C-alpha atoms as a PDB file:
ATOM      1  CA  UNK A   1       4.024  48.640 -61.939  1.00  0.00           C
ATOM      2  CA  UNK A   2       6.693  45.950 -61.380  1.00  0.00           C
ATOM      3  CA  UNK A   3       6.147  42.444 -62.292  1.00  0.00           C
ATOM      4  CA  UNK A   4       4.776  40.395 -59.534  1.00  0.00           C
ATOM      5  CA  UNK A   5       2.356  42.964 -58.924  1.00  0.00           C
ATOM      6  CA  UNK A   6       1.078  42.694 -62.397  1.00  0.00           C
ATOM      7  CA  UNK A   7       0.499  39.067 -61.643  1.00  0.00           C
ATOM      8  CA  UNK A   8      -1.134  39.813 -58.770  1.00  0.00           C
ATOM      9  CA  UNK A   9      -3.515  42.225 -60.648  1.00  0.00           C
ATOM     10  CA  UNK A  10      -3.708  39.562 -63.349  1.00  0.00           C
ATOM     11  CA  UNK A  11      -5.308  36.958 -61.268  1.00  0.00           C
ATOM     12  CA  UNK A  12      -8.076  39.500 -60.209  1.00  0.00           C
ATOM     13  CA  UNK A  13      -8.672  39.392 -64.213  1.00  0.00           C
ATOM     14  CA  UNK A  14      -8.559  35.613 -63.878  1.00  0.00           C
ATOM     15  CA  UNK A  15     -11.161  35.220 -61.673  1.00  0.00           C
ATOM     16  CA  UNK A  16     -13.852  37.413 -63.433  1.00  0.00           C
ATOM     17  CA  UNK A  17     -12.865  34.873 -66.520  1.00  0.00           C
ATOM     18  CA  UNK A  18     -13.401  31.971 -64.054  1.00  0.00           C
ATOM     19  CA  UNK A  19     -17.225  32.687 -62.834  1.00  0.00           C
ATOM     20  CA  UNK A  20     -17.442  33.910 -66.571  1.00  0.00           C
ATOM     21  CA  UNK A  21     -16.899  30.114 -67.590  1.00  0.00           C
ATOM     22  CA  UNK A  22     -18.609  28.476 -63.989  1.00  0.00           C
ATOM     23  CA  UNK A  23     -21.748  30.002 -65.427  1.00  0.00           C
ATOM     24  CA  UNK A  24     -21.767  29.961 -68.945  1.00  0.00           C
ATOM     25  CA  UNK A  25     -22.687  27.245 -70.665  1.00  0.00           C
ATOM     26  CA  UNK A  26     -20.909  25.961 -73.777  1.00  0.00           C
ATOM     27  CA  UNK A  27     -19.719  22.331 -74.189  1.00  0.00           C
ATOM     28  CA  UNK A  28     -16.090  22.431 -72.639  1.00  0.00           C
ATOM     29  CA  UNK A  29     -16.911  25.339 -70.135  1.00  0.00           C
ATOM     30  CA  UNK A  30     -16.336  23.217 -67.371  1.00  0.00           C
ATOM     31  CA  UNK A  31     -12.640  22.618 -68.630  1.00  0.00           C
ATOM     32  CA  UNK A  32     -12.176  26.169 -69.297  1.00  0.00           C
ATOM     33  CA  UNK A  33     -12.998  27.286 -65.691  1.00  0.00           C
ATOM     34  CA  UNK A  34     -10.167  24.598 -64.511  1.00  0.00           C
ATOM     35  CA  UNK A  35      -7.941  26.090 -66.886  1.00  0.00           C
ATOM     36  CA  UNK A  36      -8.545  29.943 -65.860  1.00  0.00           C
ATOM     37  CA  UNK A  37      -8.591  28.770 -62.048  1.00  0.00           C
ATOM     38  CA  UNK A  38      -5.707  26.775 -62.360  1.00  0.00           C
ATOM     39  CA  UNK A  39      -3.664  30.051 -64.414  1.00  0.00           C
ATOM     40  CA  UNK A  40      -4.493  32.174 -61.746  1.00  0.00           C
ATOM     41  CA  UNK A  41      -3.661  29.664 -58.984  1.00  0.00           C
ATOM     42  CA  UNK A  42       0.104  29.484 -60.704  1.00  0.00           C
ATOM     43  CA  UNK A  43      -0.036  33.432 -60.567  1.00  0.00           C
ATOM     44  CA  UNK A  44      -0.159  33.156 -56.895  1.00  0.00           C
ATOM     45  CA  UNK A  45       3.525  31.315 -56.779  1.00  0.00           C
ATOM     46  CA  UNK A  46       4.877  33.416 -58.833  1.00  0.00           C
ATOM     47  CA  UNK A  47       4.291  36.502 -57.907  1.00  0.00           C
ATOM     48  CA  UNK A  48       5.474  35.908 -54.237  1.00  0.00           C
ATOM     49  CA  UNK A  49       8.266  34.030 -55.633  1.00  0.00           C
ATOM     50  CA  UNK A  50       9.727  36.607 -58.207  1.00  0.00           C
ATOM     51  CA  UNK A  51       9.376  39.677 -55.661  1.00  0.00           C
ATOM     52  CA  UNK A  52      11.136  37.451 -52.811  1.00  0.00           C
ATOM     53  CA  UNK A  53      14.087  36.566 -55.402  1.00  0.00           C
ATOM     54  CA  UNK A  54      14.160  39.882 -57.203  1.00  0.00           C
ATOM     55  CA  UNK A  55      13.663  42.011 -53.786  1.00  0.00           C
ATOM     56  CA  UNK A  56      10.385  43.664 -55.396  1.00  0.00           C
ATOM     57  CA  UNK A  57       8.178  43.365 -52.141  1.00  0.00           C
ATOM     58  CA  UNK A  58       5.646  46.435 -51.752  1.00  0.00           C
ATOM     59  CA  UNK A  59       3.439  47.743 -49.879  1.00  0.00           C
ATOM     60  CA  UNK A  60       1.035  46.970 -52.869  1.00  0.00           C
ATOM     61  CA  UNK A  61       1.790  43.623 -52.991  1.00  0.00           C
ATOM     62  CA  UNK A  62       1.830  42.830 -48.941  1.00  0.00           C
ATOM     63  CA  UNK A  63      -1.473  43.940 -48.774  1.00  0.00           C
ATOM     64  CA  UNK A  64      -2.935  42.872 -52.444  1.00  0.00           C
ATOM     65  CA  UNK A  65      -1.334  39.503 -52.958  1.00  0.00           C
ATOM     66  CA  UNK A  66      -3.156  38.075 -50.203  1.00  0.00           C
ATOM     67  CA  UNK A  67      -6.743  40.226 -50.983  1.00  0.00           C
ATOM     68  CA  UNK A  68      -6.524  38.391 -54.345  1.00  0.00           C
ATOM     69  CA  UNK A  69      -6.198  35.257 -53.322  1.00  0.00           C
ATOM     70  CA  UNK A  70      -9.344  35.508 -51.088  1.00  0.00           C
ATOM     71  CA  UNK A  71     -10.859  36.947 -54.333  1.00  0.00           C
ATOM     72  CA  UNK A  72     -10.203  34.118 -56.197  1.00  0.00           C
ATOM     73  CA  UNK A  73     -10.480  31.484 -53.633  1.00  0.00           C
ATOM     74  CA  UNK A  74     -14.311  32.896 -52.032  1.00  0.00           C
ATOM     75  CA  UNK A  75     -15.718  33.536 -55.233  1.00  0.00           C
ATOM     76  CA  UNK A  76     -14.443  30.027 -56.387  1.00  0.00           C
ATOM     77  CA  UNK A  77     -16.447  28.243 -53.249  1.00  0.00           C
ATOM     78  CA  UNK A  78     -19.419  30.574 -53.658  1.00  0.00           C
ATOM     79  CA  UNK A  79     -19.955  29.260 -57.172  1.00  0.00           C
ATOM     80  CA  UNK A  80     -19.257  26.193 -56.197  1.00  0.00           C
ATOM     81  CA  UNK A  81     -22.146  25.961 -53.660  1.00  0.00           C
ATOM     82  CA  UNK A  82     -24.680  26.564 -56.616  1.00  0.00           C
ATOM     83  CA  UNK A  83     -22.929  23.948 -58.828  1.00  0.00           C
ATOM     84  CA  UNK A  84     -23.131  21.199 -56.323  1.00  0.00           C
ATOM     85  CA  UNK A  85     -27.162  21.286 -55.570  1.00  0.00           C
ATOM     86  CA  UNK A  86     -27.655  18.649 -57.768  1.00  0.00           C
ATOM     87  CA  UNK A  87     -25.019  17.738 -60.452  1.00  0.00           C
ATOM     88  CA  UNK A  88     -21.915  15.965 -58.382  1.00  0.00           C
ATOM     89  CA  UNK A  89     -21.651  12.467 -58.486  1.00  0.00           C
ATOM     90  CA  UNK A  90     -22.849  10.284 -55.815  1.00  0.00           C
ATOM     91  CA  UNK A  91     -19.574   8.532 -54.298  1.00  0.00           C
ATOM     92  CA  UNK A  92     -17.181  10.326 -51.438  1.00  0.00           C
ATOM     93  CA  UNK A  93     -15.974   8.302 -48.897  1.00  0.00           C
ATOM     94  CA  UNK A  94     -17.898   6.525 -46.116  1.00  0.00           C
ATOM     95  CA  UNK A  95     -17.017   6.783 -42.368  1.00  0.00           C
ATOM     96  CA  UNK A  96     -18.920   4.137 -40.388  1.00  0.00           C
ATOM     97  CA  UNK A  97     -22.875   5.473 -40.801  1.00  0.00           C
ATOM     98  CA  UNK A  98     -21.516   9.218 -41.743  1.00  0.00           C
ATOM     99  CA  UNK A  99     -21.494   9.237 -45.930  1.00  0.00           C
ATOM    100  CA  UNK A 100     -18.965  12.060 -47.367  1.00  0.00           C
ATOM    101  CA  UNK A 101     -19.755  13.121 -50.883  1.00  0.00           C
ATOM    102  CA  UNK A 102     -17.094  15.274 -52.841  1.00  0.00           C
ATOM    103  CA  UNK A 103     -19.550  18.823 -52.517  1.00  0.00           C
ATOM    104  CA  UNK A 104     -19.443  21.890 -50.708  1.00  0.00           C
ATOM    105  CA  UNK A 105     -21.658  22.601 -48.320  1.00  0.00           C
ATOM    106  CA  UNK A 106     -23.032  26.099 -47.320  1.00  0.00           C
ATOM    107  CA  UNK A 107     -21.786  26.341 -43.978  1.00  0.00           C
ATOM    108  CA  UNK A 108     -18.142  25.319 -44.987  1.00  0.00           C
ATOM    109  CA  UNK A 109     -18.281  28.566 -47.151  1.00  0.00           C
ATOM    110  CA  UNK A 110     -19.654  30.221 -44.117  1.00  0.00           C
ATOM    111  CA  UNK A 111     -16.527  29.191 -42.503  1.00  0.00           C
ATOM    112  CA  UNK A 112     -13.931  30.207 -45.274  1.00  0.00           C
ATOM    113  CA  UNK A 113     -15.830  33.672 -45.993  1.00  0.00           C
ATOM    114  CA  UNK A 114     -15.800  34.771 -42.387  1.00  0.00           C
ATOM    115  CA  UNK A 115     -12.144  34.023 -42.197  1.00  0.00           C
ATOM    116  CA  UNK A 116     -11.053  35.896 -44.588  1.00  0.00           C
ATOM    117  CA  UNK A 117     -13.572  38.707 -43.891  1.00  0.00           C
ATOM    118  CA  UNK A 118     -11.788  39.045 -40.146  1.00  0.00           C
ATOM    119  CA  UNK A 119      -8.145  38.935 -41.340  1.00  0.00           C
ATOM    120  CA  UNK A 120      -8.884  41.755 -43.831  1.00  0.00           C
ATOM    121  CA  UNK A 121     -11.139  43.493 -41.362  1.00  0.00           C
ATOM    122  CA  UNK A 122      -7.549  43.089 -38.959  1.00  0.00           C
ATOM    123  CA  UNK A 123      -5.466  44.154 -42.002  1.00  0.00           C
ATOM    124  CA  UNK A 124      -7.445  47.593 -42.303  1.00  0.00           C
ATOM    125  CA  UNK A 125      -7.624  48.301 -38.845  1.00  0.00           C
ATOM    126  CA  UNK A 126      -3.183  47.416 -38.699  1.00  0.00           C
ATOM    127  CA  UNK A 127      -2.863  49.524 -41.602  1.00  0.00           C
ATOM    128  CA  UNK A 128      -4.999  51.919 -39.931  1.00  0.00           C
ATOM    129  CA  UNK A 129      -2.196  52.281 -37.312  1.00  0.00           C
ATOM    130  CA  UNK A 130       0.366  52.305 -39.993  1.00  0.00           C
ATOM    131  CA  UNK A 131       1.314  48.687 -39.574  1.00  0.00           C
ATOM    132  CA  UNK A 132       1.552  46.519 -42.664  1.00  0.00           C
ATOM    133  CA  UNK A 133       0.760  42.665 -41.857  1.00  0.00           C
ATOM    134  CA  UNK A 134       1.715  39.691 -44.196  1.00  0.00           C
ATOM    135  CA  UNK A 135       1.133  37.092 -44.753  1.00  0.00           C
ATOM    136  CA  UNK A 136       2.088  34.103 -42.137  1.00  0.00           C
ATOM    137  CA  UNK A 137       3.140  30.517 -43.207  1.00  0.00           C
ATOM    138  CA  UNK A 138       0.019  28.770 -41.849  1.00  0.00           C
ATOM    139  CA  UNK A 139      -2.105  31.110 -43.876  1.00  0.00           C
ATOM    140  CA  UNK A 140      -0.021  30.421 -47.152  1.00  0.00           C
ATOM    141  CA  UNK A 141      -0.685  26.459 -46.205  1.00  0.00           C
ATOM    142  CA  UNK A 142      -4.552  27.600 -45.886  1.00  0.00           C
ATOM    143  CA  UNK A 143      -4.234  29.181 -49.647  1.00  0.00           C
ATOM    144  CA  UNK A 144      -2.256  26.161 -51.218  1.00  0.00           C
ATOM    145  CA  UNK A 145      -5.027  23.843 -49.504  1.00  0.00           C
ATOM    146  CA  UNK A 146      -7.762  25.560 -50.787  1.00  0.00           C
ATOM    147  CA  UNK A 147      -6.527  25.725 -54.302  1.00  0.00           C
ATOM    148  CA  UNK A 148      -6.223  22.255 -54.227  1.00  0.00           C
ATOM    149  CA  UNK A 149      -9.607  21.271 -52.821  1.00  0.00           C
ATOM    150  CA  UNK A 150     -11.015  23.923 -55.806  1.00  0.00           C
ATOM    151  CA  UNK A 151      -9.069  22.402 -57.846  1.00  0.00           C
ATOM    152  CA  UNK A 152     -10.091  18.797 -57.445  1.00  0.00           C
ATOM    153  CA  UNK A 153     -13.713  19.964 -57.044  1.00  0.00           C
ATOM    154  CA  UNK A 154     -13.433  21.391 -60.697  1.00  0.00           C
ATOM    155  CA  UNK A 155     -11.839  18.049 -62.005  1.00  0.00           C
ATOM    156  CA  UNK A 156     -14.999  16.335 -61.139  1.00  0.00           C
ATOM    157  CA  UNK A 157     -17.179  19.282 -62.774  1.00  0.00           C
ATOM    158  CA  UNK A 158     -15.025  18.809 -66.197  1.00  0.00           C
ATOM    159  CA  UNK A 159     -14.007  15.655 -66.678  1.00  0.00           C
ATOM    160  CA  UNK A 160     -16.831  14.775 -68.815  1.00  0.00           C
ATOM    161  CA  UNK A 161     -15.997  17.207 -70.910  1.00  0.00           C
ATOM    162  CA  UNK A 162     -12.853  15.204 -71.668  1.00  0.00           C
ATOM    163  CA  UNK A 163     -11.706  11.751 -73.263  1.00  0.00           C
ATOM    164  CA  UNK A 164     -13.191   9.011 -72.276  1.00  0.00           C
ATOM    165  CA  UNK A 165      -9.419   7.188 -71.168  1.00  0.00           C
ATOM    166  CA  UNK A 166      -9.633  10.467 -69.064  1.00  0.00           C
ATOM    167  CA  UNK A 167     -12.201  10.000 -67.581  1.00  0.00           C
ATOM    168  CA  UNK A 168     -11.643   6.280 -66.427  1.00  0.00           C
ATOM    169  CA  UNK A 169      -8.262   7.923 -64.868  1.00  0.00           C
ATOM    170  CA  UNK A 170     -10.228  10.389 -62.880  1.00  0.00           C
ATOM    171  CA  UNK A 171     -13.541   8.169 -61.932  1.00  0.00           C
ATOM    172  CA  UNK A 172     -12.394   5.562 -59.932  1.00  0.00           C
ATOM    173  CA  UNK A 173     -10.035   7.991 -57.087  1.00  0.00           C
ATOM    174  CA  UNK A 174     -10.981  12.226 -57.858  1.00  0.00           C
ATOM    175  CA  UNK A 175     -14.220  11.934 -55.573  1.00  0.00           C
ATOM    176  CA  UNK A 176     -12.144  10.655 -52.288  1.00  0.00           C
ATOM    177  CA  UNK A 177      -9.423  12.737 -52.907  1.00  0.00           C
ATOM    178  CA  UNK A 178     -11.907  15.796 -53.511  1.00  0.00           C
ATOM    179  CA  UNK A 179     -13.768  15.024 -50.365  1.00  0.00           C
ATOM    180  CA  UNK A 180     -10.471  14.778 -48.610  1.00  0.00           C
ATOM    181  CA  UNK A 181      -9.008  18.306 -49.764  1.00  0.00           C
ATOM    182  CA  UNK A 182     -12.395  20.133 -48.912  1.00  0.00           C
ATOM    183  CA  UNK A 183     -12.282  18.962 -45.117  1.00  0.00           C
ATOM    184  CA  UNK A 184      -8.702  19.306 -44.476  1.00  0.00           C
ATOM    185  CA  UNK A 185      -8.817  23.526 -46.428  1.00  0.00           C
ATOM    186  CA  UNK A 186     -11.908  24.042 -43.673  1.00  0.00           C
ATOM    187  CA  UNK A 187     -10.113  22.551 -41.205  1.00  0.00           C
ATOM    188  CA  UNK A 188      -6.914  24.569 -42.087  1.00  0.00           C
ATOM    189  CA  UNK A 189      -9.276  27.832 -42.855  1.00  0.00           C
ATOM    190  CA  UNK A 190     -10.374  27.665 -39.449  1.00  0.00           C
ATOM    191  CA  UNK A 191      -6.743  26.840 -37.554  1.00  0.00           C
ATOM    192  CA  UNK A 192      -4.955  29.581 -39.609  1.00  0.00           C
ATOM    193  CA  UNK A 193      -7.611  32.580 -38.679  1.00  0.00           C
ATOM    194  CA  UNK A 194      -7.817  31.647 -35.387  1.00  0.00           C
ATOM    195  CA  UNK A 195      -4.098  31.461 -34.728  1.00  0.00           C
ATOM    196  CA  UNK A 196      -3.410  34.741 -36.925  1.00  0.00           C
ATOM    197  CA  UNK A 197      -6.188  36.723 -34.955  1.00  0.00           C
ATOM    198  CA  UNK A 198      -4.732  35.454 -31.511  1.00  0.00           C
ATOM    199  CA  UNK A 199      -1.015  36.454 -32.522  1.00  0.00           C
ATOM    200  CA  UNK A 200      -2.356  40.049 -33.611  1.00  0.00           C
ATOM    201  CA  UNK A 201      -4.835  40.270 -30.914  1.00  0.00           C
ATOM    202  CA  UNK A 202      -2.918  42.903 -29.451  1.00  0.00           C
ATOM    203  CA  UNK A 203      -4.212  45.250 -32.601  1.00  0.00           C
ATOM    204  CA  UNK A 204      -7.795  45.195 -31.213  1.00  0.00           C
ATOM    205  CA  UNK A 205      -7.784  44.110 -27.559  1.00  0.00           C
ATOM    206  CA  UNK A 206      -5.825  47.823 -26.747  1.00  0.00           C
ATOM    207  CA  UNK A 207      -8.845  49.543 -27.733  1.00  0.00           C
ATOM    208  CA  UNK A 208     -11.194  47.791 -26.150  1.00  0.00           C
END
């Protein structure tokens, strides 16, 4: 197994550690969850970059890299839905009479997970026809936006465990940034999924 593929597999292991930290109770569990998730996000950046630079692109990597991304981000969003029932700050962004809080709503996760399941199903259909669908640019932008949104939300969970001066640094702007990041990632996730399905419509329309 080459280095990029090892990094991809390590992202799956880091996802398990991240979930353990999210649902364990300790004085620094939220900080640990943030660290594990950031480490997993770094592997996402490195595996593709190394594979392209060293010409180590394999079918395993083409299929497993986006799958590992989906497992990581979907697991994080689902975990955050449970965590955000009560314990996020009341501050956010007010748009007229609409107040947006920095939290993940269940309907947002439905859109995100449905998109990922649809694209995974399309990849499986393509594989049955001996066609390998690589990740597209819009999909990568979507993944980056999801990672940024999750990190922003995890920071809100974790900064109460940090030194007071760090809490004072994040408190004024982090909630508003998290609101923007969450809504941006929902929009990009939906658009990227629709574009991917449209561009590869020949795979599923020809059998109708």
